[in-house]
N, C-alpha and C. Protein backbone atom coordinates (compact mmCIF):
# COMPACT_ATOMS: atom_id res chain seq x y z
N MET A 1 75.62 21.75 -18.82
CA MET A 1 74.84 21.00 -17.86
C MET A 1 73.49 21.68 -17.60
N GLN A 2 73.49 23.01 -17.48
CA GLN A 2 72.25 23.73 -17.24
C GLN A 2 71.31 23.57 -18.44
N ARG A 3 71.89 23.50 -19.62
CA ARG A 3 71.07 23.30 -20.81
C ARG A 3 70.37 21.95 -20.75
N MET A 4 71.03 20.92 -20.31
CA MET A 4 70.45 19.58 -20.18
C MET A 4 69.33 19.58 -19.14
N ILE A 5 69.54 20.31 -18.06
CA ILE A 5 68.52 20.39 -17.01
C ILE A 5 67.27 21.09 -17.55
N ARG A 6 67.48 22.17 -18.31
CA ARG A 6 66.34 22.89 -18.90
C ARG A 6 65.57 21.99 -19.87
N ILE A 7 66.30 21.28 -20.70
CA ILE A 7 65.66 20.37 -21.66
C ILE A 7 64.88 19.30 -20.91
N TYR A 8 65.50 18.72 -19.88
CA TYR A 8 64.84 17.69 -19.08
C TYR A 8 63.58 18.27 -18.41
N PHE A 9 63.70 19.47 -17.86
CA PHE A 9 62.59 20.14 -17.20
C PHE A 9 61.45 20.40 -18.19
N CYS A 10 61.77 20.87 -19.38
CA CYS A 10 60.75 21.12 -20.42
C CYS A 10 60.06 19.82 -20.84
N LEU A 11 60.84 18.76 -20.97
CA LEU A 11 60.26 17.46 -21.34
C LEU A 11 59.30 16.96 -20.27
N MET A 12 59.66 17.17 -19.02
CA MET A 12 58.79 16.75 -17.91
C MET A 12 57.48 17.54 -17.94
N ILE A 13 57.55 18.83 -18.19
CA ILE A 13 56.35 19.65 -18.26
C ILE A 13 55.47 19.19 -19.42
N VAL A 14 56.06 18.94 -20.57
CA VAL A 14 55.30 18.47 -21.74
C VAL A 14 54.63 17.13 -21.43
N ALA A 15 55.36 16.22 -20.77
CA ALA A 15 54.80 14.91 -20.43
C ALA A 15 53.63 15.06 -19.46
N LEU A 16 53.76 15.92 -18.47
CA LEU A 16 52.67 16.13 -17.52
C LEU A 16 51.46 16.76 -18.19
N LEU A 17 51.68 17.76 -19.05
CA LEU A 17 50.58 18.39 -19.77
C LEU A 17 49.88 17.38 -20.67
N ALA A 18 50.65 16.52 -21.32
CA ALA A 18 50.06 15.50 -22.19
C ALA A 18 49.14 14.58 -21.39
N GLN A 19 49.55 14.20 -20.20
CA GLN A 19 48.71 13.33 -19.37
C GLN A 19 47.45 14.06 -18.92
N VAL A 20 47.58 15.31 -18.54
CA VAL A 20 46.43 16.07 -18.07
C VAL A 20 45.45 16.33 -19.21
N LEU A 21 45.94 16.61 -20.41
CA LEU A 21 45.07 16.91 -21.52
C LEU A 21 44.48 15.67 -22.17
N VAL A 22 45.17 14.55 -22.16
CA VAL A 22 44.69 13.33 -22.79
C VAL A 22 43.68 12.62 -21.91
N ALA A 23 43.80 12.68 -20.61
CA ALA A 23 42.90 11.96 -19.70
C ALA A 23 41.43 12.34 -19.91
N PRO A 24 41.07 13.64 -20.01
CA PRO A 24 39.66 13.96 -20.24
C PRO A 24 39.15 13.43 -21.58
N VAL A 25 40.00 13.42 -22.61
CA VAL A 25 39.59 12.90 -23.91
C VAL A 25 39.30 11.41 -23.80
N GLU A 26 40.14 10.67 -23.08
CA GLU A 26 39.90 9.24 -22.90
C GLU A 26 38.64 8.99 -22.10
N MET A 27 38.39 9.80 -21.07
CA MET A 27 37.19 9.64 -20.26
C MET A 27 35.95 9.91 -21.10
N CYS A 28 35.99 10.92 -21.97
CA CYS A 28 34.87 11.21 -22.85
C CYS A 28 34.65 10.07 -23.82
N ALA A 29 35.72 9.50 -24.33
CA ALA A 29 35.60 8.40 -25.28
C ALA A 29 34.92 7.20 -24.64
N GLN A 30 35.16 6.97 -23.35
CA GLN A 30 34.54 5.84 -22.67
C GLN A 30 33.05 6.06 -22.45
N SER A 31 32.60 7.30 -22.40
CA SER A 31 31.19 7.55 -22.12
C SER A 31 30.43 8.00 -23.36
N THR A 32 30.97 7.77 -24.54
CA THR A 32 30.27 8.19 -25.74
C THR A 32 29.00 7.38 -25.91
N PRO A 33 27.98 7.97 -26.53
CA PRO A 33 26.74 7.25 -26.73
C PRO A 33 26.92 5.96 -27.53
N ALA A 34 27.89 5.91 -28.44
CA ALA A 34 28.10 4.71 -29.24
C ALA A 34 28.43 3.52 -28.36
N ALA A 35 29.01 3.77 -27.19
CA ALA A 35 29.37 2.69 -26.27
C ALA A 35 28.19 2.28 -25.40
N ALA A 36 27.13 3.07 -25.37
CA ALA A 36 25.97 2.77 -24.54
C ALA A 36 25.25 1.54 -25.06
N GLU A 37 24.63 0.82 -24.13
CA GLU A 37 23.93 -0.40 -24.49
C GLU A 37 22.50 -0.39 -23.97
N LEU A 38 21.62 -0.96 -24.77
CA LEU A 38 20.23 -1.19 -24.38
C LEU A 38 20.02 -2.69 -24.38
N ARG A 39 19.59 -3.23 -23.24
CA ARG A 39 19.41 -4.68 -23.09
C ARG A 39 17.93 -5.03 -23.18
N ILE A 40 17.64 -6.06 -23.97
CA ILE A 40 16.28 -6.59 -24.08
C ILE A 40 16.35 -8.03 -23.63
N SER A 41 15.62 -8.34 -22.55
CA SER A 41 15.74 -9.67 -21.94
C SER A 41 14.41 -10.09 -21.34
N GLY A 42 14.46 -11.18 -20.58
CA GLY A 42 13.26 -11.70 -19.92
C GLY A 42 12.67 -12.82 -20.74
N ALA A 43 11.35 -12.79 -20.92
CA ALA A 43 10.63 -13.82 -21.66
C ALA A 43 10.74 -13.59 -23.16
N VAL A 44 11.97 -13.69 -23.65
CA VAL A 44 12.26 -13.51 -25.08
C VAL A 44 13.02 -14.74 -25.56
N SER A 45 12.92 -15.05 -26.85
CA SER A 45 13.68 -16.19 -27.36
C SER A 45 15.11 -15.79 -27.72
N THR A 46 15.33 -14.50 -28.00
CA THR A 46 16.65 -14.01 -28.37
C THR A 46 16.98 -12.75 -27.59
N PRO A 47 17.63 -12.85 -26.42
CA PRO A 47 18.03 -11.64 -25.69
C PRO A 47 18.95 -10.78 -26.56
N LEU A 48 18.81 -9.48 -26.45
CA LEU A 48 19.58 -8.56 -27.27
C LEU A 48 20.35 -7.56 -26.41
N VAL A 49 21.52 -7.18 -26.89
CA VAL A 49 22.28 -6.06 -26.35
C VAL A 49 22.56 -5.17 -27.54
N LEU A 50 21.93 -3.99 -27.56
CA LEU A 50 21.98 -3.11 -28.72
C LEU A 50 22.73 -1.82 -28.41
N THR A 51 23.44 -1.32 -29.40
CA THR A 51 24.13 -0.04 -29.31
C THR A 51 23.43 0.95 -30.25
N ILE A 52 23.85 2.19 -30.19
CA ILE A 52 23.31 3.19 -31.12
C ILE A 52 23.61 2.79 -32.55
N VAL A 53 24.78 2.24 -32.79
CA VAL A 53 25.14 1.79 -34.14
C VAL A 53 24.16 0.73 -34.62
N ASP A 54 23.79 -0.20 -33.74
CA ASP A 54 22.81 -1.23 -34.09
C ASP A 54 21.47 -0.60 -34.47
N LEU A 55 21.00 0.36 -33.67
CA LEU A 55 19.73 1.01 -33.95
C LEU A 55 19.75 1.75 -35.28
N LYS A 56 20.88 2.36 -35.61
CA LYS A 56 20.99 3.11 -36.87
C LYS A 56 20.81 2.19 -38.09
N LYS A 57 21.08 0.90 -37.94
CA LYS A 57 20.97 -0.05 -39.04
C LYS A 57 19.56 -0.61 -39.21
N MET A 58 18.67 -0.31 -38.28
CA MET A 58 17.31 -0.86 -38.29
C MET A 58 16.35 0.12 -38.95
N PRO A 59 15.14 -0.37 -39.30
CA PRO A 59 14.13 0.55 -39.85
C PRO A 59 13.85 1.68 -38.87
N ARG A 60 13.86 2.90 -39.37
CA ARG A 60 13.74 4.09 -38.51
C ARG A 60 12.34 4.68 -38.58
N LYS A 61 11.95 5.31 -37.49
CA LYS A 61 10.66 5.99 -37.38
C LYS A 61 10.93 7.39 -36.85
N THR A 62 10.29 8.37 -37.46
CA THR A 62 10.40 9.76 -37.02
C THR A 62 9.06 10.21 -36.48
N LEU A 63 9.07 10.83 -35.31
CA LEU A 63 7.87 11.33 -34.66
C LEU A 63 8.03 12.80 -34.32
N SER A 64 7.07 13.61 -34.72
CA SER A 64 7.04 15.01 -34.29
C SER A 64 5.96 15.13 -33.23
N VAL A 65 6.35 15.60 -32.06
CA VAL A 65 5.43 15.68 -30.92
C VAL A 65 5.61 17.03 -30.24
N VAL A 66 4.61 17.40 -29.47
CA VAL A 66 4.73 18.56 -28.59
C VAL A 66 4.95 17.99 -27.20
N ASN A 67 6.11 18.30 -26.64
CA ASN A 67 6.43 17.81 -25.30
C ASN A 67 5.54 18.55 -24.31
N PRO A 68 4.66 17.81 -23.61
CA PRO A 68 3.73 18.47 -22.69
C PRO A 68 4.41 19.23 -21.53
N HIS A 69 5.63 18.86 -21.17
CA HIS A 69 6.31 19.55 -20.07
C HIS A 69 6.67 20.98 -20.42
N ASP A 70 7.29 21.17 -21.60
CA ASP A 70 7.74 22.52 -21.95
C ASP A 70 7.00 23.11 -23.14
N LYS A 71 5.96 22.41 -23.61
CA LYS A 71 5.11 22.89 -24.72
C LYS A 71 5.92 23.22 -25.97
N LYS A 72 7.00 22.49 -26.18
CA LYS A 72 7.89 22.72 -27.32
C LYS A 72 7.77 21.56 -28.30
N LYS A 73 7.75 21.88 -29.59
CA LYS A 73 7.72 20.82 -30.61
C LYS A 73 9.10 20.16 -30.69
N GLU A 74 9.09 18.83 -30.69
CA GLU A 74 10.33 18.06 -30.77
C GLU A 74 10.15 16.97 -31.82
N THR A 75 11.22 16.67 -32.52
CA THR A 75 11.19 15.59 -33.51
C THR A 75 12.18 14.53 -33.07
N TYR A 76 11.64 13.37 -32.73
CA TYR A 76 12.46 12.24 -32.30
C TYR A 76 12.60 11.26 -33.45
N GLU A 77 13.74 10.60 -33.50
CA GLU A 77 13.94 9.52 -34.46
C GLU A 77 14.53 8.33 -33.73
N GLY A 78 14.06 7.16 -34.11
CA GLY A 78 14.55 5.93 -33.50
C GLY A 78 13.91 4.72 -34.13
N VAL A 79 13.78 3.67 -33.36
CA VAL A 79 13.24 2.39 -33.82
C VAL A 79 11.99 2.07 -33.01
N LEU A 80 10.95 1.60 -33.70
CA LEU A 80 9.74 1.20 -32.98
C LEU A 80 10.08 0.12 -31.96
N LEU A 81 9.55 0.26 -30.75
CA LEU A 81 9.76 -0.76 -29.73
C LEU A 81 9.21 -2.10 -30.23
N GLU A 82 8.16 -2.06 -31.00
CA GLU A 82 7.59 -3.27 -31.59
C GLU A 82 8.63 -4.02 -32.43
N GLU A 83 9.43 -3.29 -33.20
CA GLU A 83 10.48 -3.90 -34.02
C GLU A 83 11.55 -4.56 -33.15
N LEU A 84 11.93 -3.90 -32.09
CA LEU A 84 12.94 -4.46 -31.19
C LEU A 84 12.42 -5.74 -30.52
N LEU A 85 11.16 -5.71 -30.11
CA LEU A 85 10.57 -6.89 -29.49
C LEU A 85 10.47 -8.04 -30.50
N HIS A 86 10.15 -7.70 -31.74
CA HIS A 86 10.11 -8.71 -32.80
C HIS A 86 11.47 -9.38 -32.96
N ARG A 87 12.53 -8.58 -32.99
CA ARG A 87 13.89 -9.12 -33.13
C ARG A 87 14.30 -9.97 -31.93
N ALA A 88 13.69 -9.71 -30.79
CA ALA A 88 13.98 -10.50 -29.59
C ALA A 88 13.12 -11.76 -29.53
N GLY A 89 12.21 -11.93 -30.50
CA GLY A 89 11.40 -13.14 -30.55
C GLY A 89 10.16 -13.12 -29.68
N VAL A 90 9.62 -11.94 -29.42
CA VAL A 90 8.41 -11.81 -28.61
C VAL A 90 7.19 -12.05 -29.51
N PRO A 91 6.19 -12.83 -29.05
CA PRO A 91 5.00 -13.07 -29.88
C PRO A 91 4.31 -11.78 -30.26
N GLN A 92 3.94 -11.68 -31.55
CA GLN A 92 3.25 -10.50 -32.06
C GLN A 92 2.23 -10.94 -33.11
N GLY A 93 1.38 -10.01 -33.49
CA GLY A 93 0.40 -10.29 -34.53
C GLY A 93 -0.52 -11.42 -34.10
N GLU A 94 -0.76 -12.36 -35.00
CA GLU A 94 -1.65 -13.48 -34.73
C GLU A 94 -1.12 -14.41 -33.64
N GLN A 95 0.19 -14.38 -33.39
CA GLN A 95 0.78 -15.23 -32.34
C GLN A 95 0.52 -14.66 -30.94
N LEU A 96 0.15 -13.40 -30.88
CA LEU A 96 -0.14 -12.77 -29.59
C LEU A 96 -1.61 -13.04 -29.25
N ARG A 97 -1.83 -14.08 -28.47
CA ARG A 97 -3.18 -14.49 -28.12
C ARG A 97 -3.16 -15.28 -26.83
N GLY A 98 -4.33 -15.56 -26.31
CA GLY A 98 -4.45 -16.38 -25.10
C GLY A 98 -3.71 -15.78 -23.92
N SER A 99 -2.97 -16.63 -23.23
CA SER A 99 -2.28 -16.18 -22.02
C SER A 99 -1.20 -15.14 -22.31
N SER A 100 -0.69 -15.10 -23.56
CA SER A 100 0.32 -14.09 -23.92
C SER A 100 -0.23 -12.67 -23.85
N MET A 101 -1.56 -12.55 -23.95
CA MET A 101 -2.18 -11.22 -23.90
C MET A 101 -2.01 -10.57 -22.53
N ALA A 102 -1.65 -11.33 -21.51
CA ALA A 102 -1.43 -10.77 -20.17
C ALA A 102 0.04 -10.43 -19.93
N ASN A 103 0.92 -10.73 -20.89
CA ASN A 103 2.34 -10.43 -20.70
C ASN A 103 2.59 -8.94 -20.84
N TYR A 104 3.70 -8.51 -20.26
CA TYR A 104 3.98 -7.08 -20.22
C TYR A 104 5.47 -6.80 -20.35
N VAL A 105 5.77 -5.52 -20.55
CA VAL A 105 7.14 -5.05 -20.75
C VAL A 105 7.44 -4.02 -19.66
N ILE A 106 8.61 -4.16 -19.05
CA ILE A 106 9.09 -3.14 -18.11
C ILE A 106 10.24 -2.41 -18.78
N ALA A 107 10.11 -1.10 -18.90
CA ALA A 107 11.18 -0.26 -19.44
C ALA A 107 11.83 0.45 -18.26
N GLU A 108 13.16 0.31 -18.13
CA GLU A 108 13.86 0.87 -16.97
C GLU A 108 14.95 1.84 -17.39
N ALA A 109 15.05 2.92 -16.63
CA ALA A 109 16.06 3.95 -16.86
C ALA A 109 17.27 3.72 -15.97
N GLU A 110 18.35 4.41 -16.30
CA GLU A 110 19.59 4.33 -15.50
C GLU A 110 19.35 4.70 -14.04
N ASP A 111 18.43 5.64 -13.79
CA ASP A 111 18.20 6.09 -12.42
C ASP A 111 17.18 5.23 -11.66
N GLY A 112 16.74 4.11 -12.27
CA GLY A 112 15.81 3.21 -11.61
C GLY A 112 14.35 3.45 -11.93
N TYR A 113 14.03 4.54 -12.63
CA TYR A 113 12.64 4.81 -13.02
C TYR A 113 12.16 3.69 -13.93
N ARG A 114 10.95 3.17 -13.66
CA ARG A 114 10.42 2.07 -14.45
C ARG A 114 8.97 2.32 -14.83
N VAL A 115 8.61 1.86 -16.03
CA VAL A 115 7.23 1.94 -16.49
C VAL A 115 6.84 0.60 -17.10
N VAL A 116 5.52 0.39 -17.24
CA VAL A 116 5.00 -0.87 -17.75
C VAL A 116 4.11 -0.61 -18.97
N PHE A 117 4.25 -1.47 -19.97
CA PHE A 117 3.36 -1.52 -21.13
C PHE A 117 2.90 -2.96 -21.29
N SER A 118 1.66 -3.18 -21.65
CA SER A 118 1.24 -4.53 -22.01
C SER A 118 1.77 -4.82 -23.41
N LEU A 119 2.00 -6.10 -23.71
CA LEU A 119 2.44 -6.44 -25.07
C LEU A 119 1.43 -5.99 -26.11
N ALA A 120 0.14 -6.09 -25.77
CA ALA A 120 -0.91 -5.69 -26.70
C ALA A 120 -0.80 -4.21 -27.06
N GLU A 121 -0.41 -3.36 -26.12
CA GLU A 121 -0.26 -1.93 -26.39
C GLU A 121 0.82 -1.65 -27.42
N LEU A 122 1.77 -2.55 -27.56
CA LEU A 122 2.93 -2.35 -28.42
C LEU A 122 2.81 -3.10 -29.75
N ASP A 123 1.69 -3.75 -29.99
CA ASP A 123 1.48 -4.55 -31.20
C ASP A 123 0.62 -3.75 -32.18
N SER A 124 1.17 -3.43 -33.35
CA SER A 124 0.44 -2.63 -34.33
C SER A 124 -0.77 -3.36 -34.90
N GLY A 125 -0.85 -4.67 -34.72
CA GLY A 125 -2.03 -5.41 -35.12
C GLY A 125 -3.21 -5.16 -34.19
N ILE A 126 -2.95 -4.59 -33.04
CA ILE A 126 -3.99 -4.31 -32.05
C ILE A 126 -4.18 -2.82 -31.86
N LEU A 127 -3.08 -2.09 -31.80
CA LEU A 127 -3.13 -0.65 -31.50
C LEU A 127 -1.98 0.06 -32.18
N GLU A 128 -2.23 1.22 -32.75
CA GLU A 128 -1.17 2.02 -33.37
C GLU A 128 -0.50 2.90 -32.32
N SER A 129 0.36 2.31 -31.52
CA SER A 129 0.94 3.06 -30.41
C SER A 129 2.13 3.91 -30.83
N GLU A 130 2.92 3.44 -31.78
CA GLU A 130 4.11 4.15 -32.27
C GLU A 130 5.14 4.45 -31.18
N VAL A 131 5.22 3.64 -30.16
CA VAL A 131 6.22 3.82 -29.11
C VAL A 131 7.58 3.52 -29.72
N ILE A 132 8.52 4.47 -29.59
CA ILE A 132 9.85 4.27 -30.17
C ILE A 132 10.94 4.35 -29.10
N VAL A 133 12.05 3.72 -29.44
CA VAL A 133 13.29 3.92 -28.70
C VAL A 133 14.07 4.93 -29.53
N ALA A 134 14.08 6.16 -29.07
CA ALA A 134 14.71 7.25 -29.81
C ALA A 134 16.19 7.37 -29.45
N ASP A 135 16.98 7.77 -30.45
CA ASP A 135 18.39 8.06 -30.20
C ASP A 135 18.77 9.46 -30.71
N THR A 136 17.80 10.15 -31.34
CA THR A 136 18.05 11.53 -31.76
C THR A 136 16.83 12.40 -31.45
N ILE A 137 17.09 13.68 -31.26
CA ILE A 137 16.04 14.68 -31.11
C ILE A 137 16.42 15.87 -31.99
N ASP A 138 15.49 16.28 -32.82
CA ASP A 138 15.71 17.39 -33.74
C ASP A 138 16.99 17.21 -34.56
N GLY A 139 17.25 15.97 -34.96
CA GLY A 139 18.39 15.66 -35.82
C GLY A 139 19.73 15.50 -35.13
N ALA A 140 19.77 15.65 -33.82
CA ALA A 140 21.02 15.54 -33.07
C ALA A 140 20.91 14.42 -32.05
N PRO A 141 22.05 13.87 -31.62
CA PRO A 141 22.00 12.85 -30.56
C PRO A 141 21.33 13.41 -29.31
N LEU A 142 20.69 12.54 -28.56
CA LEU A 142 20.07 12.96 -27.31
C LEU A 142 21.13 13.48 -26.35
N SER A 143 20.75 14.44 -25.53
CA SER A 143 21.68 14.98 -24.53
C SER A 143 21.93 13.92 -23.46
N ALA A 144 22.93 14.15 -22.64
CA ALA A 144 23.26 13.23 -21.55
C ALA A 144 22.10 13.11 -20.56
N GLN A 145 21.29 14.15 -20.41
CA GLN A 145 20.15 14.11 -19.49
C GLN A 145 18.98 13.32 -20.07
N GLN A 146 18.95 13.12 -21.38
CA GLN A 146 17.85 12.40 -22.03
C GLN A 146 18.23 11.01 -22.50
N GLY A 147 19.46 10.81 -22.87
CA GLY A 147 19.83 9.58 -23.57
C GLY A 147 20.95 8.83 -22.92
N PRO A 148 21.54 8.00 -23.71
CA PRO A 148 21.57 7.95 -25.18
C PRO A 148 20.33 7.35 -25.82
N PHE A 149 19.48 6.67 -25.02
CA PHE A 149 18.23 6.13 -25.54
C PHE A 149 17.08 6.73 -24.73
N ARG A 150 15.97 6.99 -25.42
CA ARG A 150 14.78 7.49 -24.73
C ARG A 150 13.56 6.80 -25.30
N LEU A 151 12.71 6.31 -24.43
CA LEU A 151 11.45 5.72 -24.85
C LEU A 151 10.45 6.86 -24.99
N VAL A 152 9.81 6.96 -26.16
CA VAL A 152 8.85 8.02 -26.42
C VAL A 152 7.51 7.37 -26.79
N ALA A 153 6.48 7.69 -26.02
CA ALA A 153 5.12 7.19 -26.26
C ALA A 153 4.27 8.39 -26.69
N PRO A 154 4.20 8.67 -27.99
CA PRO A 154 3.68 9.95 -28.47
C PRO A 154 2.18 10.19 -28.29
N HIS A 155 1.40 9.15 -28.12
CA HIS A 155 -0.05 9.34 -28.06
C HIS A 155 -0.61 9.44 -26.65
N GLU A 156 0.25 9.54 -25.67
CA GLU A 156 -0.21 9.65 -24.29
C GLU A 156 -0.41 11.11 -23.91
N LYS A 157 -1.41 11.38 -23.11
CA LYS A 157 -1.71 12.75 -22.71
C LYS A 157 -0.64 13.34 -21.80
N ARG A 158 -0.01 12.49 -21.01
CA ARG A 158 1.10 12.89 -20.14
C ARG A 158 2.31 12.05 -20.53
N PRO A 159 3.51 12.62 -20.51
CA PRO A 159 4.68 11.83 -20.88
C PRO A 159 5.25 11.01 -19.72
N ALA A 160 4.37 10.48 -18.87
CA ALA A 160 4.81 9.74 -17.69
C ALA A 160 5.55 8.46 -18.06
N ARG A 161 5.25 7.89 -19.23
CA ARG A 161 5.94 6.67 -19.65
C ARG A 161 7.01 6.95 -20.70
N TRP A 162 7.40 8.20 -20.85
CA TRP A 162 8.56 8.55 -21.66
C TRP A 162 9.77 8.33 -20.75
N VAL A 163 10.59 7.37 -21.07
CA VAL A 163 11.69 7.00 -20.19
C VAL A 163 12.99 7.54 -20.76
N ARG A 164 13.58 8.51 -20.07
CA ARG A 164 14.87 9.03 -20.50
C ARG A 164 15.97 8.13 -19.93
N MET A 165 17.13 8.15 -20.55
CA MET A 165 18.27 7.32 -20.13
C MET A 165 17.87 5.85 -20.03
N LEU A 166 17.12 5.39 -21.03
CA LEU A 166 16.63 4.01 -21.07
C LEU A 166 17.81 3.05 -21.10
N LYS A 167 17.77 2.04 -20.22
CA LYS A 167 18.86 1.06 -20.18
C LYS A 167 18.41 -0.36 -20.46
N SER A 168 17.13 -0.66 -20.17
CA SER A 168 16.69 -2.04 -20.39
C SER A 168 15.20 -2.13 -20.67
N ILE A 169 14.88 -3.19 -21.41
CA ILE A 169 13.51 -3.58 -21.70
C ILE A 169 13.42 -5.04 -21.25
N THR A 170 12.52 -5.33 -20.34
CA THR A 170 12.36 -6.70 -19.84
C THR A 170 10.94 -7.16 -20.10
N VAL A 171 10.81 -8.28 -20.81
CA VAL A 171 9.50 -8.87 -21.09
C VAL A 171 9.18 -9.84 -19.97
N MET A 172 8.00 -9.69 -19.40
CA MET A 172 7.58 -10.52 -18.26
C MET A 172 6.33 -11.32 -18.63
N ARG A 173 6.29 -12.56 -18.16
CA ARG A 173 5.10 -13.40 -18.33
C ARG A 173 4.31 -13.38 -17.04
N VAL A 174 3.00 -13.26 -17.18
CA VAL A 174 2.13 -13.38 -16.01
C VAL A 174 1.95 -14.87 -15.77
N PRO A 175 2.23 -15.35 -14.57
CA PRO A 175 2.09 -16.78 -14.29
C PRO A 175 0.66 -17.25 -14.44
N ALA A 176 0.48 -18.48 -14.96
CA ALA A 176 -0.85 -19.06 -15.08
C ALA A 176 -1.40 -19.32 -13.69
N GLN A 177 -2.71 -19.18 -13.56
CA GLN A 177 -3.32 -19.39 -12.25
C GLN A 177 -3.85 -20.79 -12.10
């Protein structure tokens, strides 16, 4: 009888340890960058919900920049914001004219930080801005403090419009007067 109690007691300990050890793994799996989503919406013909896997399948751009905050060279890789807007059906190139020239993009982070770009700033037919939605830095996934997505505007003197933890891109139309 004591042997049965010992076996039962050992099984209970193993079951409890399994629950304690498996729970953190499941929690990590739920917060993996692959599960993260970037939403592109607003004045678009095709709203998008993109994951890191989706971005990996798109044309990639690599940028080497010196981060003005820490004076360190960093190499980001991701997708041009212009490409993402194109896939969402935003007017570009010769179609970007007239009242569309006043339209703008709001990029928002998880913590509520928001920045604005005009559509013209993001159109390579007008300006070589090279703004990207990055998902890697120096060949590795972005850290939790930076990603899983980061907007990088490499030609700006201050990185004020570099949006870490990017969660959404919203295209806005300026109302006609």
